[in-house]
Amino acid sequence: MAVHVKGTFFVSQAAVPPMRAQGRGRIINISSINGMIADATDPHYNAAKAAILGLTRSLAKELAPWSILVNAVAPGHVVTEATRLRGAARMTMVSETRIPMRRYATPEEIAHSVVFLAGPGGAFVTGQVLSPNGGEAIVGF
């Protein structure tokens, strides 16, 4: 939990002074769908990711007067080396039972969400959670 929550807090804390000085900025935190819909395993991970979402909303409210926008991206399942190590059978089971789009996201798709929030499309977005999850959030765990 310390790495996820404290790391997010300390990086934000370091980024805010120069953003305040220039009168604008964007902070985009990375959380997880597990911060919104906890599963029965990894309670420490779920709690840490939920804490990042709470921190995101609190910072957004605090920093909005300086035009510092704070949002989070909370992906569902993503194809990574770690998910590949769990095996193709698990990926197929999760895709078929928990993700209406029937596949994991690619890292590039998650990056596009970050780019949206950092770009012109995110100019009036703060305190929000963008969750690219292929519909997993509507199905739940």
N, C-alpha and C. Protein backbone atom coordinates (compact mmCIF):
# COMPACT_ATOMS: atom_id res chain seq x y z
N MET A 1 0.81 -1.19 0.00
CA MET A 1 0.00 0.00 0.00
C MET A 1 0.86 1.26 0.00
N ALA A 2 1.98 1.21 0.71
CA ALA A 2 2.81 2.39 0.83
C ALA A 2 3.29 2.89 -0.53
N VAL A 3 3.69 1.99 -1.39
CA VAL A 3 4.19 2.40 -2.71
C VAL A 3 3.08 3.07 -3.51
N HIS A 4 1.91 2.44 -3.56
CA HIS A 4 0.82 2.99 -4.36
C HIS A 4 0.35 4.34 -3.81
N VAL A 5 -0.02 4.38 -2.56
CA VAL A 5 -0.65 5.57 -1.99
C VAL A 5 0.38 6.66 -1.69
N LYS A 6 1.42 6.32 -0.95
CA LYS A 6 2.41 7.34 -0.61
C LYS A 6 3.13 7.83 -1.86
N GLY A 7 3.44 6.93 -2.78
CA GLY A 7 4.10 7.33 -4.02
C GLY A 7 3.26 8.34 -4.79
N THR A 8 1.98 8.05 -4.93
CA THR A 8 1.07 8.97 -5.63
C THR A 8 1.01 10.31 -4.91
N PHE A 9 0.90 10.28 -3.59
CA PHE A 9 0.82 11.51 -2.81
C PHE A 9 2.09 12.34 -2.95
N PHE A 10 3.25 11.71 -2.77
CA PHE A 10 4.50 12.46 -2.79
C PHE A 10 4.82 13.02 -4.18
N VAL A 11 4.51 12.29 -5.23
CA VAL A 11 4.74 12.82 -6.58
C VAL A 11 3.82 14.02 -6.82
N SER A 12 2.57 13.91 -6.41
CA SER A 12 1.64 15.04 -6.55
C SER A 12 2.14 16.24 -5.75
N GLN A 13 2.57 15.99 -4.54
CA GLN A 13 3.07 17.06 -3.68
C GLN A 13 4.25 17.79 -4.33
N ALA A 14 5.13 17.06 -4.97
CA ALA A 14 6.28 17.67 -5.64
C ALA A 14 5.88 18.42 -6.90
N ALA A 15 4.84 17.96 -7.57
CA ALA A 15 4.44 18.58 -8.84
C ALA A 15 3.63 19.86 -8.66
N VAL A 16 2.95 20.00 -7.54
CA VAL A 16 2.03 21.13 -7.37
C VAL A 16 2.71 22.50 -7.35
N PRO A 17 3.80 22.73 -6.63
CA PRO A 17 4.37 24.08 -6.59
C PRO A 17 4.69 24.68 -7.97
N PRO A 18 5.37 23.96 -8.88
CA PRO A 18 5.59 24.58 -10.19
C PRO A 18 4.30 24.77 -10.99
N MET A 19 3.33 23.89 -10.79
CA MET A 19 2.05 24.07 -11.48
C MET A 19 1.33 25.30 -10.96
N ARG A 20 1.35 25.50 -9.65
CA ARG A 20 0.72 26.71 -9.08
C ARG A 20 1.42 27.95 -9.60
N ALA A 21 2.75 27.90 -9.68
CA ALA A 21 3.51 29.06 -10.16
C ALA A 21 3.14 29.44 -11.59
N GLN A 22 2.87 28.44 -12.43
CA GLN A 22 2.50 28.74 -13.82
C GLN A 22 1.00 28.93 -14.00
N GLY A 23 0.22 28.68 -12.94
CA GLY A 23 -1.21 28.92 -12.99
C GLY A 23 -2.02 27.84 -13.70
N ARG A 24 -1.44 26.67 -13.86
CA ARG A 24 -2.18 25.56 -14.48
C ARG A 24 -1.36 24.29 -14.37
N GLY A 25 -2.03 23.17 -14.62
CA GLY A 25 -1.33 21.90 -14.62
C GLY A 25 -2.31 20.74 -14.65
N ARG A 26 -1.77 19.57 -14.86
CA ARG A 26 -2.59 18.35 -14.89
C ARG A 26 -1.86 17.26 -14.11
N ILE A 27 -2.60 16.62 -13.25
CA ILE A 27 -2.11 15.44 -12.55
C ILE A 27 -3.04 14.30 -12.95
N ILE A 28 -2.46 13.23 -13.45
CA ILE A 28 -3.24 12.06 -13.85
C ILE A 28 -2.71 10.86 -13.08
N ASN A 29 -3.49 10.42 -12.13
CA ASN A 29 -3.11 9.28 -11.30
C ASN A 29 -3.55 7.98 -11.96
N ILE A 30 -2.80 6.94 -11.71
CA ILE A 30 -3.16 5.62 -12.22
C ILE A 30 -3.65 4.77 -11.05
N SER A 31 -4.89 4.31 -11.17
CA SER A 31 -5.49 3.45 -10.16
C SER A 31 -5.81 2.11 -10.81
N SER A 32 -6.97 1.58 -10.53
CA SER A 32 -7.39 0.29 -11.08
C SER A 32 -8.89 0.16 -10.90
N ILE A 33 -9.50 -0.65 -11.74
CA ILE A 33 -10.91 -0.96 -11.54
C ILE A 33 -11.13 -1.56 -10.15
N ASN A 34 -10.09 -2.19 -9.60
CA ASN A 34 -10.18 -2.76 -8.25
C ASN A 34 -10.38 -1.70 -7.18
N GLY A 35 -10.10 -0.46 -7.48
CA GLY A 35 -10.37 0.62 -6.55
C GLY A 35 -11.84 1.01 -6.52
N MET A 36 -12.59 0.56 -7.53
CA MET A 36 -14.02 0.85 -7.61
C MET A 36 -14.87 -0.38 -7.30
N ILE A 37 -14.40 -1.54 -7.75
CA ILE A 37 -15.12 -2.80 -7.56
C ILE A 37 -14.11 -3.79 -7.00
N ALA A 38 -14.13 -3.97 -5.71
CA ALA A 38 -13.15 -4.86 -5.08
C ALA A 38 -13.53 -6.31 -5.28
N ASP A 39 -12.52 -7.12 -5.56
CA ASP A 39 -12.78 -8.56 -5.62
C ASP A 39 -12.41 -9.17 -4.26
N ALA A 40 -12.57 -10.45 -4.14
CA ALA A 40 -12.37 -11.12 -2.85
C ALA A 40 -10.91 -11.37 -2.52
N THR A 41 -10.02 -11.13 -3.45
CA THR A 41 -8.60 -11.34 -3.19
C THR A 41 -7.87 -10.00 -3.16
N ASP A 42 -6.69 -10.00 -2.65
CA ASP A 42 -5.83 -8.81 -2.61
C ASP A 42 -6.48 -7.58 -1.97
N PRO A 43 -6.98 -7.67 -0.74
CA PRO A 43 -7.62 -6.51 -0.13
C PRO A 43 -6.69 -5.31 0.01
N HIS A 44 -5.39 -5.56 0.22
CA HIS A 44 -4.44 -4.45 0.34
C HIS A 44 -4.34 -3.69 -0.98
N TYR A 45 -4.34 -4.41 -2.10
CA TYR A 45 -4.27 -3.78 -3.43
C TYR A 45 -5.55 -2.99 -3.69
N ASN A 46 -6.70 -3.59 -3.41
CA ASN A 46 -7.98 -2.92 -3.61
C ASN A 46 -8.05 -1.63 -2.78
N ALA A 47 -7.64 -1.71 -1.53
CA ALA A 47 -7.67 -0.54 -0.65
C ALA A 47 -6.73 0.55 -1.14
N ALA A 48 -5.55 0.17 -1.59
CA ALA A 48 -4.59 1.16 -2.09
C ALA A 48 -5.14 1.87 -3.32
N LYS A 49 -5.73 1.12 -4.23
CA LYS A 49 -6.26 1.72 -5.45
C LYS A 49 -7.48 2.59 -5.16
N ALA A 50 -8.30 2.21 -4.17
CA ALA A 50 -9.42 3.05 -3.75
C ALA A 50 -8.90 4.34 -3.11
N ALA A 51 -7.83 4.23 -2.34
CA ALA A 51 -7.24 5.42 -1.71
C ALA A 51 -6.74 6.40 -2.76
N ILE A 52 -6.19 5.90 -3.85
CA ILE A 52 -5.74 6.79 -4.93
C ILE A 52 -6.92 7.53 -5.53
N LEU A 53 -8.06 6.88 -5.66
CA LEU A 53 -9.25 7.55 -6.19
C LEU A 53 -9.73 8.63 -5.23
N GLY A 54 -9.71 8.36 -3.93
CA GLY A 54 -10.07 9.37 -2.96
C GLY A 54 -9.11 10.55 -2.96
N LEU A 55 -7.83 10.26 -3.05
CA LEU A 55 -6.81 11.30 -3.13
C LEU A 55 -7.02 12.15 -4.38
N THR A 56 -7.34 11.51 -5.48
CA THR A 56 -7.58 12.23 -6.74
C THR A 56 -8.72 13.23 -6.57
N ARG A 57 -9.82 12.80 -6.00
CA ARG A 57 -10.98 13.70 -5.83
C ARG A 57 -10.65 14.84 -4.86
N SER A 58 -9.96 14.52 -3.77
CA SER A 58 -9.61 15.56 -2.80
C SER A 58 -8.67 16.60 -3.40
N LEU A 59 -7.64 16.12 -4.10
CA LEU A 59 -6.70 17.06 -4.73
C LEU A 59 -7.39 17.89 -5.81
N ALA A 60 -8.31 17.28 -6.55
CA ALA A 60 -9.02 18.02 -7.59
C ALA A 60 -9.78 19.20 -6.99
N LYS A 61 -10.44 18.95 -5.88
CA LYS A 61 -11.20 20.02 -5.23
C LYS A 61 -10.27 21.09 -4.67
N GLU A 62 -9.17 20.67 -4.07
CA GLU A 62 -8.22 21.61 -3.48
C GLU A 62 -7.49 22.45 -4.52
N LEU A 63 -7.15 21.86 -5.65
CA LEU A 63 -6.27 22.53 -6.62
C LEU A 63 -7.00 23.21 -7.77
N ALA A 64 -8.30 23.02 -7.88
CA ALA A 64 -9.06 23.62 -8.98
C ALA A 64 -8.91 25.15 -9.07
N PRO A 65 -8.85 25.88 -7.95
CA PRO A 65 -8.70 27.34 -8.06
C PRO A 65 -7.43 27.79 -8.79
N TRP A 66 -6.44 26.91 -8.88
CA TRP A 66 -5.19 27.23 -9.59
C TRP A 66 -5.18 26.60 -10.99
N SER A 67 -6.33 26.16 -11.45
CA SER A 67 -6.45 25.50 -12.76
C SER A 67 -5.55 24.27 -12.88
N ILE A 68 -5.38 23.60 -11.76
CA ILE A 68 -4.67 22.32 -11.76
C ILE A 68 -5.74 21.23 -11.74
N LEU A 69 -5.79 20.48 -12.80
CA LEU A 69 -6.80 19.45 -12.97
C LEU A 69 -6.24 18.12 -12.52
N VAL A 70 -6.99 17.40 -11.70
CA VAL A 70 -6.52 16.13 -11.16
C VAL A 70 -7.56 15.06 -11.48
N ASN A 71 -7.14 14.05 -12.19
CA ASN A 71 -8.01 12.95 -12.59
C ASN A 71 -7.28 11.63 -12.40
N ALA A 72 -8.00 10.55 -12.60
CA ALA A 72 -7.40 9.22 -12.50
C ALA A 72 -7.84 8.35 -13.66
N VAL A 73 -6.98 7.46 -14.04
CA VAL A 73 -7.31 6.40 -14.99
C VAL A 73 -7.30 5.11 -14.19
N ALA A 74 -8.40 4.37 -14.27
CA ALA A 74 -8.55 3.13 -13.50
C ALA A 74 -8.86 1.99 -14.46
N PRO A 75 -7.83 1.43 -15.07
CA PRO A 75 -8.05 0.37 -16.07
C PRO A 75 -8.62 -0.91 -15.47
N GLY A 76 -9.29 -1.64 -16.33
CA GLY A 76 -9.65 -3.02 -16.02
C GLY A 76 -8.45 -3.89 -16.33
N HIS A 77 -8.69 -5.10 -16.78
CA HIS A 77 -7.59 -6.02 -17.11
C HIS A 77 -6.83 -5.55 -18.35
N VAL A 78 -5.51 -5.58 -18.25
CA VAL A 78 -4.62 -5.12 -19.32
C VAL A 78 -3.63 -6.24 -19.64
N VAL A 79 -3.34 -6.42 -20.90
CA VAL A 79 -2.33 -7.39 -21.31
C VAL A 79 -0.96 -6.84 -20.92
N THR A 80 -0.31 -7.52 -19.98
CA THR A 80 1.03 -7.14 -19.54
C THR A 80 1.83 -8.43 -19.37
N GLU A 81 3.09 -8.28 -19.07
CA GLU A 81 3.90 -9.46 -18.80
C GLU A 81 3.34 -10.22 -17.59
N ALA A 82 2.88 -9.49 -16.59
CA ALA A 82 2.33 -10.14 -15.39
C ALA A 82 1.07 -10.94 -15.73
N THR A 83 0.18 -10.38 -16.55
CA THR A 83 -1.03 -11.14 -16.89
C THR A 83 -0.71 -12.32 -17.79
N ARG A 84 0.28 -12.17 -18.64
CA ARG A 84 0.69 -13.30 -19.49
C ARG A 84 1.26 -14.45 -18.65
N LEU A 85 1.97 -14.10 -17.57
CA LEU A 85 2.54 -15.13 -16.71
C LEU A 85 1.48 -15.96 -15.99
N ARG A 86 0.29 -15.39 -15.83
CA ARG A 86 -0.80 -16.14 -15.20
C ARG A 86 -1.39 -17.20 -16.12
N GLY A 87 -1.08 -17.08 -17.40
CA GLY A 87 -1.49 -18.12 -18.34
C GLY A 87 -2.66 -17.74 -19.23
N ALA A 88 -2.65 -18.32 -20.41
CA ALA A 88 -3.68 -18.05 -21.41
C ALA A 88 -5.05 -18.53 -20.94
N ALA A 89 -5.10 -19.63 -20.22
CA ALA A 89 -6.39 -20.15 -19.76
C ALA A 89 -7.07 -19.17 -18.82
N ARG A 90 -6.31 -18.56 -17.92
CA ARG A 90 -6.89 -17.56 -17.01
C ARG A 90 -7.35 -16.34 -17.78
N MET A 91 -6.53 -15.88 -18.72
CA MET A 91 -6.92 -14.71 -19.52
C MET A 91 -8.22 -14.98 -20.27
N THR A 92 -8.34 -16.16 -20.83
CA THR A 92 -9.55 -16.53 -21.56
C THR A 92 -10.75 -16.58 -20.62
N MET A 93 -10.59 -17.19 -19.46
CA MET A 93 -11.68 -17.28 -18.49
C MET A 93 -12.15 -15.90 -18.06
N VAL A 94 -11.22 -15.02 -17.73
CA VAL A 94 -11.58 -13.66 -17.31
C VAL A 94 -12.25 -12.93 -18.46
N SER A 95 -11.69 -13.01 -19.64
CA SER A 95 -12.26 -12.33 -20.80
C SER A 95 -13.69 -12.78 -21.07
N GLU A 96 -13.94 -14.07 -20.97
CA GLU A 96 -15.25 -14.61 -21.32
C GLU A 96 -16.30 -14.44 -20.22
N THR A 97 -15.86 -14.30 -18.98
CA THR A 97 -16.83 -14.22 -17.89
C THR A 97 -16.98 -12.84 -17.27
N ARG A 98 -15.99 -11.97 -17.43
CA ARG A 98 -16.02 -10.69 -16.73
C ARG A 98 -15.95 -9.46 -17.62
N ILE A 99 -15.60 -9.63 -18.88
CA ILE A 99 -15.40 -8.47 -19.75
C ILE A 99 -16.34 -8.60 -20.95
N PRO A 100 -17.39 -7.76 -21.03
CA PRO A 100 -18.32 -7.87 -22.16
C PRO A 100 -17.65 -7.75 -23.53
N MET A 101 -16.57 -7.02 -23.64
CA MET A 101 -15.88 -6.91 -24.93
C MET A 101 -15.01 -8.14 -25.21
N ARG A 102 -14.93 -9.05 -24.25
CA ARG A 102 -14.29 -10.36 -24.40
C ARG A 102 -12.78 -10.33 -24.66
N ARG A 103 -12.12 -9.30 -24.14
CA ARG A 103 -10.66 -9.24 -24.28
C ARG A 103 -10.09 -8.28 -23.25
N TYR A 104 -8.81 -8.42 -23.00
CA TYR A 104 -8.09 -7.48 -22.15
C TYR A 104 -7.76 -6.23 -22.98
N ALA A 105 -7.57 -5.11 -22.29
CA ALA A 105 -7.10 -3.89 -22.95
C ALA A 105 -5.63 -4.03 -23.30
N THR A 106 -5.20 -3.25 -24.27
CA THR A 106 -3.77 -3.17 -24.57
C THR A 106 -3.19 -1.99 -23.78
N PRO A 107 -1.91 -2.00 -23.51
CA PRO A 107 -1.30 -0.84 -22.85
C PRO A 107 -1.53 0.45 -23.64
N GLU A 108 -1.55 0.35 -24.96
CA GLU A 108 -1.77 1.54 -25.79
C GLU A 108 -3.16 2.13 -25.55
N GLU A 109 -4.15 1.28 -25.34
CA GLU A 109 -5.50 1.78 -25.08
C GLU A 109 -5.56 2.53 -23.75
N ILE A 110 -4.84 2.07 -22.78
CA ILE A 110 -4.78 2.78 -21.50
C ILE A 110 -4.06 4.11 -21.68
N ALA A 111 -2.98 4.10 -22.45
CA ALA A 111 -2.24 5.33 -22.72
C ALA A 111 -3.13 6.37 -23.41
N HIS A 112 -4.01 5.93 -24.30
CA HIS A 112 -4.92 6.87 -24.98
C HIS A 112 -5.83 7.58 -23.97
N SER A 113 -6.23 6.89 -22.92
CA SER A 113 -7.04 7.52 -21.89
C SER A 113 -6.27 8.62 -21.17
N VAL A 114 -5.01 8.35 -20.89
CA VAL A 114 -4.15 9.35 -20.25
C VAL A 114 -3.97 10.54 -21.19
N VAL A 115 -3.71 10.27 -22.46
CA VAL A 115 -3.53 11.35 -23.44
C VAL A 115 -4.78 12.21 -23.54
N PHE A 116 -5.96 11.58 -23.52
CA PHE A 116 -7.21 12.35 -23.55
C PHE A 116 -7.26 13.33 -22.38
N LEU A 117 -7.01 12.84 -21.17
CA LEU A 117 -7.08 13.70 -19.99
C LEU A 117 -6.00 14.79 -20.01
N ALA A 118 -4.86 14.50 -20.60
CA ALA A 118 -3.77 15.48 -20.67
C ALA A 118 -3.96 16.49 -21.79
N GLY A 119 -4.78 16.15 -22.77
CA GLY A 119 -4.93 16.98 -23.96
C GLY A 119 -6.13 17.92 -23.90
N PRO A 120 -6.46 18.52 -25.05
CA PRO A 120 -7.56 19.48 -25.12
C PRO A 120 -8.91 18.92 -24.67
N GLY A 121 -9.14 17.64 -24.91
CA GLY A 121 -10.41 17.03 -24.50
C GLY A 121 -10.61 17.02 -23.00
N GLY A 122 -9.53 17.08 -22.24
CA GLY A 122 -9.62 17.06 -20.79
C GLY A 122 -9.53 18.43 -20.15
N ALA A 123 -9.70 19.49 -20.94
CA ALA A 123 -9.51 20.86 -20.45
C ALA A 123 -10.48 21.27 -19.36
N PHE A 124 -11.65 20.65 -19.28
CA PHE A 124 -12.64 21.02 -18.26
C PHE A 124 -13.06 19.80 -17.46
N VAL A 125 -12.11 18.88 -17.29
CA VAL A 125 -12.37 17.63 -16.56
C VAL A 125 -11.47 17.61 -15.33
N THR A 126 -12.07 17.52 -14.16
CA THR A 126 -11.27 17.38 -12.94
C THR A 126 -12.05 16.58 -11.91
N GLY A 127 -11.33 15.81 -11.12
CA GLY A 127 -11.94 14.99 -10.09
C GLY A 127 -12.64 13.75 -10.61
N GLN A 128 -12.31 13.35 -11.83
CA GLN A 128 -13.01 12.24 -12.47
C GLN A 128 -12.12 11.00 -12.57
N VAL A 129 -12.79 9.88 -12.75
CA VAL A 129 -12.11 8.60 -12.95
C VAL A 129 -12.52 8.08 -14.32
N LEU A 130 -11.56 7.92 -15.20
CA LEU A 130 -11.80 7.33 -16.51
C LEU A 130 -11.35 5.88 -16.41
N SER A 131 -12.29 4.97 -16.67
CA SER A 131 -11.99 3.55 -16.48
C SER A 131 -12.16 2.77 -17.78
N PRO A 132 -11.09 2.67 -18.56
CA PRO A 132 -11.15 1.85 -19.77
C PRO A 132 -11.13 0.37 -19.37
N ASN A 133 -12.29 -0.27 -19.44
CA ASN A 133 -12.38 -1.63 -18.90
C ASN A 133 -13.19 -2.59 -19.75
N GLY A 134 -13.56 -2.20 -20.95
CA GLY A 134 -14.28 -3.11 -21.84
C GLY A 134 -15.64 -3.53 -21.32
N GLY A 135 -16.21 -2.75 -20.40
CA GLY A 135 -17.50 -3.07 -19.83
C GLY A 135 -17.43 -3.87 -18.54
N GLU A 136 -16.23 -4.15 -18.08
CA GLU A 136 -16.06 -4.96 -16.87
C GLU A 136 -16.76 -4.33 -15.66
N ALA A 137 -16.79 -3.00 -15.60
CA ALA A 137 -17.41 -2.32 -14.46
C ALA A 137 -18.91 -2.55 -14.40
N ILE A 138 -19.55 -2.79 -15.53
CA ILE A 138 -21.00 -3.02 -15.50
C ILE A 138 -21.35 -4.45 -15.14
N VAL A 139 -20.39 -5.35 -15.29
CA VAL A 139 -20.59 -6.75 -14.94
C VAL A 139 -20.19 -7.00 -13.50
N GLY A 140 -19.10 -6.36 -13.06
CA GLY A 140 -18.58 -6.57 -11.71
C GLY A 140 -17.74 -7.84 -11.65
N PHE A 141 -17.33 -8.18 -10.47
CA PHE A 141 -16.45 -9.35 -10.30
C PHE A 141 -17.24 -10.54 -9.83
